[in-house]
């Protein structure tokens, strides 16, 4: 799993792209910023992430929320924009 220095809005977008887009974790439309990563499941019913991976991803998402709040940005709008870009072939 890739690690991120999450300190700027650019870092937030990069992390969200990694989580959502096919060349990363590929959660796509199934991703929601409020979702605990330990709740994501594979099609076969197994957990998608180990406990350590889920903890790290949850911590990175929390940092993204903090950065967005400080910058008066909407993390949900950013994630939706990335998802919409996938749906529009971008």
PDB file of N, CA and C in Angstrom:
ATOM      1  N   UNK A   1       0.839  -1.177   0.000  1.00  0.00           N
ATOM      2  CA  UNK A   1       0.000   0.000   0.000  1.00  0.00           C
ATOM      3  C   UNK A   1       0.885   1.242   0.000  1.00  0.00           C
ATOM      4  N   UNK A   2       0.499   2.190  -0.799  1.00  0.00           N
ATOM      5  CA  UNK A   2       1.238   3.441  -0.923  1.00  0.00           C
ATOM      6  C   UNK A   2       0.999   4.320   0.308  1.00  0.00           C
ATOM      7  N   UNK A   3       2.025   5.060   0.709  1.00  0.00           N
ATOM      8  CA  UNK A   3       1.865   5.994   1.820  1.00  0.00           C
ATOM      9  C   UNK A   3       1.902   7.419   1.279  1.00  0.00           C
ATOM     10  N   UNK A   4       1.304   8.325   2.025  1.00  0.00           N
ATOM     11  CA  UNK A   4       1.182   9.711   1.594  1.00  0.00           C
ATOM     12  C   UNK A   4       1.587  10.663   2.704  1.00  0.00           C
ATOM     13  N   UNK A   5       2.245  11.746   2.308  1.00  0.00           N
ATOM     14  CA  UNK A   5       2.449  12.890   3.188  1.00  0.00           C
ATOM     15  C   UNK A   5       1.255  13.801   2.954  1.00  0.00           C
ATOM     16  N   UNK A   6       0.299  13.757   3.814  1.00  0.00           N
ATOM     17  CA  UNK A   6      -0.938  14.498   3.614  1.00  0.00           C
ATOM     18  C   UNK A   6      -0.851  15.814   4.370  1.00  0.00           C
ATOM     19  N   UNK A   7      -0.497  16.894   3.625  1.00  0.00           N
ATOM     20  CA  UNK A   7      -0.337  18.205   4.255  1.00  0.00           C
ATOM     21  C   UNK A   7      -0.999  19.341   3.476  1.00  0.00           C
ATOM     22  N   UNK A   8      -1.265  19.137   2.180  1.00  0.00           N
ATOM     23  CA  UNK A   8      -1.812  20.197   1.335  1.00  0.00           C
ATOM     24  C   UNK A   8      -3.063  19.699   0.617  1.00  0.00           C
ATOM     25  N   UNK A   9      -3.784  20.616  -0.005  1.00  0.00           N
ATOM     26  CA  UNK A   9      -4.953  20.221  -0.790  1.00  0.00           C
ATOM     27  C   UNK A   9      -4.540  19.320  -1.953  1.00  0.00           C
ATOM     28  N   UNK A  10      -3.386  19.567  -2.520  1.00  0.00           N
ATOM     29  CA  UNK A  10      -2.884  18.713  -3.598  1.00  0.00           C
ATOM     30  C   UNK A  10      -2.681  17.288  -3.074  1.00  0.00           C
ATOM     31  N   UNK A  11      -2.163  17.159  -1.860  1.00  0.00           N
ATOM     32  CA  UNK A  11      -1.988  15.842  -1.240  1.00  0.00           C
ATOM     33  C   UNK A  11      -3.340  15.155  -1.029  1.00  0.00           C
ATOM     34  N   UNK A  12      -4.333  15.942  -0.609  1.00  0.00           N
ATOM     35  CA  UNK A  12      -5.681  15.392  -0.398  1.00  0.00           C
ATOM     36  C   UNK A  12      -6.206  14.814  -1.700  1.00  0.00           C
ATOM     37  N   UNK A  13      -6.122  15.588  -2.778  1.00  0.00           N
ATOM     38  CA  UNK A  13      -6.611  15.108  -4.063  1.00  0.00           C
ATOM     39  C   UNK A  13      -5.837  13.871  -4.519  1.00  0.00           C
ATOM     40  N   UNK A  14      -4.534  13.881  -4.334  1.00  0.00           N
ATOM     41  CA  UNK A  14      -3.719  12.740  -4.745  1.00  0.00           C
ATOM     42  C   UNK A  14      -4.134  11.480  -3.971  1.00  0.00           C
ATOM     43  N   UNK A  15      -4.352  11.615  -2.676  1.00  0.00           N
ATOM     44  CA  UNK A  15      -4.779  10.481  -1.861  1.00  0.00           C
ATOM     45  C   UNK A  15      -6.152   9.976  -2.311  1.00  0.00           C
ATOM     46  N   UNK A  16      -7.095  10.893  -2.518  1.00  0.00           N
ATOM     47  CA  UNK A  16      -8.432  10.491  -2.932  1.00  0.00           C
ATOM     48  C   UNK A  16      -8.400   9.807  -4.295  1.00  0.00           C
ATOM     49  N   UNK A  17      -7.584  10.311  -5.201  1.00  0.00           N
ATOM     50  CA  UNK A  17      -7.446   9.664  -6.513  1.00  0.00           C
ATOM     51  C   UNK A  17      -6.905   8.239  -6.339  1.00  0.00           C
ATOM     52  N   UNK A  18      -5.931   8.079  -5.463  1.00  0.00           N
ATOM     53  CA  UNK A  18      -5.353   6.757  -5.209  1.00  0.00           C
ATOM     54  C   UNK A  18      -6.426   5.789  -4.692  1.00  0.00           C
ATOM     55  N   UNK A  19      -7.266   6.263  -3.802  1.00  0.00           N
ATOM     56  CA  UNK A  19      -8.303   5.413  -3.214  1.00  0.00           C
ATOM     57  C   UNK A  19      -9.382   5.066  -4.240  1.00  0.00           C
ATOM     58  N   UNK A  20      -9.734   6.034  -5.087  1.00  0.00           N
ATOM     59  CA  UNK A  20     -10.877   5.884  -5.983  1.00  0.00           C
ATOM     60  C   UNK A  20     -10.516   5.265  -7.333  1.00  0.00           C
ATOM     61  N   UNK A  21      -9.438   5.712  -7.949  1.00  0.00           N
ATOM     62  CA  UNK A  21      -9.145   5.359  -9.338  1.00  0.00           C
ATOM     63  C   UNK A  21      -8.615   3.924  -9.505  1.00  0.00           C
ATOM     64  N   UNK A  22      -8.812   3.367 -10.711  1.00  0.00           N
ATOM     65  CA  UNK A  22      -8.432   1.970 -10.983  1.00  0.00           C
ATOM     66  C   UNK A  22      -6.946   1.662 -10.801  1.00  0.00           C
ATOM     67  N   UNK A  23      -6.072   2.636 -10.989  1.00  0.00           N
ATOM     68  CA  UNK A  23      -4.636   2.376 -10.832  1.00  0.00           C
ATOM     69  C   UNK A  23      -4.186   2.462  -9.375  1.00  0.00           C
ATOM     70  N   UNK A  24      -5.136   2.631  -8.473  1.00  0.00           N
ATOM     71  CA  UNK A  24      -4.842   2.656  -7.037  1.00  0.00           C
ATOM     72  C   UNK A  24      -5.605   1.541  -6.339  1.00  0.00           C
ATOM     73  N   UNK A  25      -6.357   1.915  -5.319  1.00  0.00           N
ATOM     74  CA  UNK A  25      -7.150   0.925  -4.586  1.00  0.00           C
ATOM     75  C   UNK A  25      -8.444   0.571  -5.305  1.00  0.00           C
ATOM     76  N   UNK A  26      -8.825   1.392  -6.269  1.00  0.00           N
ATOM     77  CA  UNK A  26      -9.951   1.108  -7.170  1.00  0.00           C
ATOM     78  C   UNK A  26     -11.293   0.932  -6.461  1.00  0.00           C
ATOM     79  N   UNK A  27     -11.569   1.763  -5.460  1.00  0.00           N
ATOM     80  CA  UNK A  27     -12.861   1.674  -4.794  1.00  0.00           C
ATOM     81  C   UNK A  27     -13.970   2.336  -5.606  1.00  0.00           C
ATOM     82  N   UNK A  28     -13.594   3.225  -6.518  1.00  0.00           N
ATOM     83  CA  UNK A  28     -14.560   3.843  -7.423  1.00  0.00           C
ATOM     84  C   UNK A  28     -15.761   4.419  -6.724  1.00  0.00           C
ATOM     85  N   UNK A  29     -16.939   4.129  -7.295  1.00  0.00           N
ATOM     86  CA  UNK A  29     -18.191   4.661  -6.751  1.00  0.00           C
ATOM     87  C   UNK A  29     -18.509   4.102  -5.367  1.00  0.00           C
ATOM     88  N   UNK A  30     -17.837   3.042  -4.979  1.00  0.00           N
ATOM     89  CA  UNK A  30     -18.059   2.461  -3.661  1.00  0.00           C
ATOM     90  C   UNK A  30     -17.389   3.229  -2.532  1.00  0.00           C
ATOM     91  N   UNK A  31     -16.572   4.222  -2.890  1.00  0.00           N
ATOM     92  CA  UNK A  31     -15.858   4.978  -1.861  1.00  0.00           C
ATOM     93  C   UNK A  31     -16.727   6.088  -1.297  1.00  0.00           C
ATOM     94  N   UNK A  32     -16.695   6.242   0.011  1.00  0.00           N
ATOM     95  CA  UNK A  32     -17.306   7.381   0.695  1.00  0.00           C
ATOM     96  C   UNK A  32     -16.344   7.805   1.805  1.00  0.00           C
ATOM     97  N   UNK A  33     -16.042   9.098   1.897  1.00  0.00           N
ATOM     98  CA  UNK A  33     -15.063   9.568   2.885  1.00  0.00           C
ATOM     99  C   UNK A  33     -15.405   9.225   4.337  1.00  0.00           C
ATOM    100  N   UNK A  34     -16.690   9.014   4.638  1.00  0.00           N
ATOM    101  CA  UNK A  34     -17.084   8.693   6.011  1.00  0.00           C
ATOM    102  C   UNK A  34     -16.953   7.213   6.352  1.00  0.00           C
ATOM    103  N   UNK A  35     -16.749   6.386   5.343  1.00  0.00           N
ATOM    104  CA  UNK A  35     -16.715   4.938   5.547  1.00  0.00           C
ATOM    105  C   UNK A  35     -15.405   4.501   6.196  1.00  0.00           C
ATOM    106  N   UNK A  36     -15.494   3.643   7.179  1.00  0.00           N
ATOM    107  CA  UNK A  36     -14.318   3.056   7.816  1.00  0.00           C
ATOM    108  C   UNK A  36     -13.741   2.025   6.840  1.00  0.00           C
ATOM    109  N   UNK A  37     -12.458   2.097   6.581  1.00  0.00           N
ATOM    110  CA  UNK A  37     -11.840   1.186   5.623  1.00  0.00           C
ATOM    111  C   UNK A  37     -11.913  -0.274   6.071  1.00  0.00           C
ATOM    112  N   UNK A  38     -12.111  -0.514   7.353  1.00  0.00           N
ATOM    113  CA  UNK A  38     -12.241  -1.897   7.818  1.00  0.00           C
ATOM    114  C   UNK A  38     -13.590  -2.495   7.408  1.00  0.00           C
ATOM    115  N   UNK A  39     -14.520  -1.662   6.927  1.00  0.00           N
ATOM    116  CA  UNK A  39     -15.837  -2.146   6.501  1.00  0.00           C
ATOM    117  C   UNK A  39     -15.891  -2.540   5.025  1.00  0.00           C
ATOM    118  N   UNK A  40     -14.869  -2.192   4.249  1.00  0.00           N
ATOM    119  CA  UNK A  40     -14.880  -2.543   2.832  1.00  0.00           C
ATOM    120  C   UNK A  40     -14.614  -4.040   2.672  1.00  0.00           C
ATOM    121  N   UNK A  41     -15.395  -4.651   1.786  1.00  0.00           N
ATOM    122  CA  UNK A  41     -15.296  -6.090   1.576  1.00  0.00           C
ATOM    123  C   UNK A  41     -15.005  -6.391   0.111  1.00  0.00           C
ATOM    124  N   UNK A  42     -14.310  -7.493  -0.110  1.00  0.00           N
ATOM    125  CA  UNK A  42     -14.114  -8.006  -1.466  1.00  0.00           C
ATOM    126  C   UNK A  42     -15.383  -8.734  -1.890  1.00  0.00           C
ATOM    127  N   UNK A  43     -15.487  -9.030  -3.173  1.00  0.00           N
ATOM    128  CA  UNK A  43     -16.664  -9.736  -3.686  1.00  0.00           C
ATOM    129  C   UNK A  43     -16.852 -11.100  -3.031  1.00  0.00           C
ATOM    130  N   UNK A  44     -15.738 -11.718  -2.601  1.00  0.00           N
ATOM    131  CA  UNK A  44     -15.832 -13.050  -1.987  1.00  0.00           C
ATOM    132  C   UNK A  44     -16.165 -12.990  -0.498  1.00  0.00           C
ATOM    133  N   UNK A  45     -16.387 -11.773   0.034  1.00  0.00           N
ATOM    134  CA  UNK A  45     -16.776 -11.625   1.428  1.00  0.00           C
ATOM    135  C   UNK A  45     -15.629 -11.387   2.393  1.00  0.00           C
ATOM    136  N   UNK A  46     -14.399 -11.465   1.902  1.00  0.00           N
ATOM    137  CA  UNK A  46     -13.246 -11.186   2.759  1.00  0.00           C
ATOM    138  C   UNK A  46     -13.074  -9.674   2.916  1.00  0.00           C
ATOM    139  N   UNK A  47     -12.419  -9.297   4.002  1.00  0.00           N
ATOM    140  CA  UNK A  47     -12.114  -7.878   4.193  1.00  0.00           C
ATOM    141  C   UNK A  47     -11.161  -7.419   3.097  1.00  0.00           C
ATOM    142  N   UNK A  48     -11.420  -6.222   2.576  1.00  0.00           N
ATOM    143  CA  UNK A  48     -10.589  -5.687   1.499  1.00  0.00           C
ATOM    144  C   UNK A  48      -9.228  -5.226   2.012  1.00  0.00           C
ATOM    145  N   UNK A  49      -9.159  -4.845   3.287  1.00  0.00           N
ATOM    146  CA  UNK A  49      -7.921  -4.319   3.865  1.00  0.00           C
ATOM    147  C   UNK A  49      -7.637  -4.986   5.201  1.00  0.00           C
ATOM    148  N   UNK A  50      -6.360  -5.225   5.449  1.00  0.00           N
ATOM    149  CA  UNK A  50      -5.961  -5.765   6.754  1.00  0.00           C
ATOM    150  C   UNK A  50      -6.264  -4.703   7.820  1.00  0.00           C
ATOM    151  N   UNK A  51      -6.215  -5.099   9.058  1.00  0.00           N
ATOM    152  CA  UNK A  51      -6.457  -4.147  10.150  1.00  0.00           C
ATOM    153  C   UNK A  51      -5.461  -2.994  10.103  1.00  0.00           C
ATOM    154  N   UNK A  52      -4.197  -3.303   9.823  1.00  0.00           N
ATOM    155  CA  UNK A  52      -3.174  -2.247   9.757  1.00  0.00           C
ATOM    156  C   UNK A  52      -3.395  -1.319   8.566  1.00  0.00           C
ATOM    157  N   UNK A  53      -3.761  -1.897   7.419  1.00  0.00           N
ATOM    158  CA  UNK A  53      -4.038  -1.078   6.236  1.00  0.00           C
ATOM    159  C   UNK A  53      -5.242  -0.166   6.483  1.00  0.00           C
ATOM    160  N   UNK A  54      -6.305  -0.737   7.046  1.00  0.00           N
ATOM    161  CA  UNK A  54      -7.513   0.047   7.323  1.00  0.00           C
ATOM    162  C   UNK A  54      -7.206   1.186   8.293  1.00  0.00           C
ATOM    163  N   UNK A  55      -6.422   0.894   9.312  1.00  0.00           N
ATOM    164  CA  UNK A  55      -6.060   1.928  10.290  1.00  0.00           C
ATOM    165  C   UNK A  55      -5.282   3.058   9.607  1.00  0.00           C
ATOM    166  N   UNK A  56      -4.312   2.712   8.778  1.00  0.00           N
ATOM    167  CA  UNK A  56      -3.503   3.719   8.087  1.00  0.00           C
ATOM    168  C   UNK A  56      -4.360   4.549   7.131  1.00  0.00           C
ATOM    169  N   UNK A  57      -5.246   3.897   6.385  1.00  0.00           N
ATOM    170  CA  UNK A  57      -6.121   4.602   5.452  1.00  0.00           C
ATOM    171  C   UNK A  57      -7.103   5.508   6.192  1.00  0.00           C
ATOM    172  N   UNK A  58      -7.622   5.038   7.316  1.00  0.00           N
ATOM    173  CA  UNK A  58      -8.521   5.861   8.124  1.00  0.00           C
ATOM    174  C   UNK A  58      -7.793   7.095   8.660  1.00  0.00           C
ATOM    175  N   UNK A  59      -6.553   6.917   9.090  1.00  0.00           N
ATOM    176  CA  UNK A  59      -5.767   8.048   9.594  1.00  0.00           C
ATOM    177  C   UNK A  59      -5.492   9.059   8.483  1.00  0.00           C
ATOM    178  N   UNK A  60      -5.175   8.577   7.279  1.00  0.00           N
ATOM    179  CA  UNK A  60      -4.933   9.480   6.154  1.00  0.00           C
ATOM    180  C   UNK A  60      -6.207  10.234   5.780  1.00  0.00           C
ATOM    181  N   UNK A  61      -7.340   9.543   5.809  1.00  0.00           N
ATOM    182  CA  UNK A  61      -8.610  10.196   5.511  1.00  0.00           C
ATOM    183  C   UNK A  61      -8.921  11.256   6.552  1.00  0.00           C
ATOM    184  N   UNK A  62      -8.654  10.969   7.808  1.00  0.00           N
ATOM    185  CA  UNK A  62      -8.867  11.944   8.874  1.00  0.00           C
ATOM    186  C   UNK A  62      -8.010  13.196   8.651  1.00  0.00           C
ATOM    187  N   UNK A  63      -6.759  12.996   8.239  1.00  0.00           N
ATOM    188  CA  UNK A  63      -5.889  14.134   7.927  1.00  0.00           C
ATOM    189  C   UNK A  63      -6.462  14.941   6.766  1.00  0.00           C
ATOM    190  N   UNK A  64      -7.016  14.248   5.778  1.00  0.00           N
ATOM    191  CA  UNK A  64      -7.637  14.931   4.631  1.00  0.00           C
ATOM    192  C   UNK A  64      -8.804  15.792   5.090  1.00  0.00           C
ATOM    193  N   UNK A  65      -9.635  15.257   5.995  1.00  0.00           N
ATOM    194  CA  UNK A  65     -10.737  16.044   6.543  1.00  0.00           C
ATOM    195  C   UNK A  65     -10.208  17.295   7.235  1.00  0.00           C
ATOM    196  N   UNK A  66      -9.156  17.147   8.030  1.00  0.00           N
ATOM    197  CA  UNK A  66      -8.575  18.290   8.751  1.00  0.00           C
ATOM    198  C   UNK A  66      -8.071  19.358   7.784  1.00  0.00           C
ATOM    199  N   UNK A  67      -7.362  18.928   6.746  1.00  0.00           N
ATOM    200  CA  UNK A  67      -6.818  19.870   5.758  1.00  0.00           C
ATOM    201  C   UNK A  67      -7.958  20.583   5.040  1.00  0.00           C
ATOM    202  N   UNK A  68      -8.960  19.838   4.618  1.00  0.00           N
ATOM    203  CA  UNK A  68     -10.100  20.443   3.924  1.00  0.00           C
ATOM    204  C   UNK A  68     -10.816  21.457   4.815  1.00  0.00           C
ATOM    205  N   UNK A  69     -10.983  21.106   6.072  1.00  0.00           N
ATOM    206  CA  UNK A  69     -11.638  22.031   7.001  1.00  0.00           C
ATOM    207  C   UNK A  69     -10.840  23.329   7.135  1.00  0.00           C
ATOM    208  N   UNK A  70      -9.534  23.211   7.283  1.00  0.00           N
ATOM    209  CA  UNK A  70      -8.682  24.395   7.421  1.00  0.00           C
ATOM    210  C   UNK A  70      -8.678  25.249   6.161  1.00  0.00           C
ATOM    211  N   UNK A  71      -8.820  24.610   5.003  1.00  0.00           N
ATOM    212  CA  UNK A  71      -8.794  25.318   3.713  1.00  0.00           C
ATOM    213  C   UNK A  71     -10.199  25.681   3.226  1.00  0.00           C
ATOM    214  N   UNK A  72     -11.212  25.374   4.052  1.00  0.00           N
ATOM    215  CA  UNK A  72     -12.605  25.632   3.695  1.00  0.00           C
ATOM    216  C   UNK A  72     -12.975  24.953   2.371  1.00  0.00           C
ATOM    217  N   UNK A  73     -12.529  23.714   2.214  1.00  0.00           N
ATOM    218  CA  UNK A  73     -12.811  22.898   1.031  1.00  0.00           C
ATOM    219  C   UNK A  73     -13.729  21.749   1.442  1.00  0.00           C
ATOM    220  N   UNK A  74     -14.450  21.214   0.484  1.00  0.00           N
ATOM    221  CA  UNK A  74     -15.417  20.150   0.721  1.00  0.00           C
ATOM    222  C   UNK A  74     -14.850  18.820   0.226  1.00  0.00           C
ATOM    223  N   UNK A  75     -14.456  17.951   1.143  1.00  0.00           N
ATOM    224  CA  UNK A  75     -13.867  16.664   0.774  1.00  0.00           C
ATOM    225  C   UNK A  75     -14.853  15.817  -0.028  1.00  0.00           C
ATOM    226  N   UNK A  76     -16.136  15.940   0.277  1.00  0.00           N
ATOM    227  CA  UNK A  76     -17.146  15.164  -0.443  1.00  0.00           C
ATOM    228  C   UNK A  76     -17.223  15.604  -1.906  1.00  0.00           C
ATOM    229  N   UNK A  77     -17.160  16.908  -2.132  1.00  0.00           N
ATOM    230  CA  UNK A  77     -17.203  17.442  -3.498  1.00  0.00           C
ATOM    231  C   UNK A  77     -15.970  17.016  -4.287  1.00  0.00           C
ATOM    232  N   UNK A  78     -14.824  16.993  -3.636  1.00  0.00           N
ATOM    233  CA  UNK A  78     -13.584  16.570  -4.303  1.00  0.00           C
ATOM    234  C   UNK A  78     -13.686  15.104  -4.704  1.00  0.00           C
ATOM    235  N   UNK A  79     -14.112  14.260  -3.772  1.00  0.00           N
ATOM    236  CA  UNK A  79     -14.250  12.826  -4.067  1.00  0.00           C
ATOM    237  C   UNK A  79     -15.281  12.603  -5.167  1.00  0.00           C
ATOM    238  N   UNK A  80     -16.400  13.310  -5.108  1.00  0.00           N
ATOM    239  CA  UNK A  80     -17.438  13.158  -6.125  1.00  0.00           C
ATOM    240  C   UNK A  80     -16.934  13.591  -7.496  1.00  0.00           C
ATOM    241  N   UNK A  81     -16.170  14.638  -7.534  1.00  0.00           N
ATOM    242  CA  UNK A  81     -15.588  15.103  -8.807  1.00  0.00           C
ATOM    243  C   UNK A  81     -14.687  14.033  -9.416  1.00  0.00           C
ATOM    244  N   UNK A  82     -13.895  13.383  -8.598  1.00  0.00           N
ATOM    245  CA  UNK A  82     -13.009  12.312  -9.089  1.00  0.00           C
ATOM    246  C   UNK A  82     -13.854  11.135  -9.597  1.00  0.00           C
ATOM    247  N   UNK A  83     -14.876  10.765  -8.847  1.00  0.00           N
ATOM    248  CA  UNK A  83     -15.756   9.670  -9.258  1.00  0.00           C
ATOM    249  C   UNK A  83     -16.469  10.031 -10.553  1.00  0.00           C
ATOM    250  N   UNK A  84     -16.972  11.256 -10.647  1.00  0.00           N
ATOM    251  CA  UNK A  84     -17.651  11.689 -11.874  1.00  0.00           C
ATOM    252  C   UNK A  84     -16.700  11.673 -13.056  1.00  0.00           C
ATOM    253  N   UNK A  85     -15.442  12.012 -12.834  1.00  0.00           N
ATOM    254  CA  UNK A  85     -14.440  11.956 -13.894  1.00  0.00           C
ATOM    255  C   UNK A  85     -14.254  10.541 -14.411  1.00  0.00           C
ATOM    256  N   UNK A  86     -14.290   9.569 -13.508  1.00  0.00           N
ATOM    257  CA  UNK A  86     -14.203   8.161 -13.923  1.00  0.00           C
ATOM    258  C   UNK A  86     -15.409   7.780 -14.770  1.00  0.00           C
ATOM    259  N   UNK A  87     -16.566   8.223 -14.325  1.00  0.00           N
ATOM    260  CA  UNK A  87     -17.795   7.881 -15.046  1.00  0.00           C
ATOM    261  C   UNK A  87     -17.868   8.542 -16.405  1.00  0.00           C
ATOM    262  N   UNK A  88     -17.170   9.662 -16.572  1.00  0.00           N
ATOM    263  CA  UNK A  88     -17.162  10.367 -17.853  1.00  0.00           C
ATOM    264  C   UNK A  88     -15.950  10.007 -18.695  1.00  0.00           C
ATOM    265  N   UNK A  89     -15.190   9.000 -18.274  1.00  0.00           N
ATOM    266  CA  UNK A  89     -14.053   8.515 -19.048  1.00  0.00           C
ATOM    267  C   UNK A  89     -12.814   9.367 -18.944  1.00  0.00           C
ATOM    268  N   UNK A  90     -12.699  10.169 -17.898  1.00  0.00           N
ATOM    269  CA  UNK A  90     -11.502  11.012 -17.726  1.00  0.00           C
ATOM    270  C   UNK A  90     -10.507  10.371 -16.806  1.00  0.00           C
TER     271      UNK A  90
END
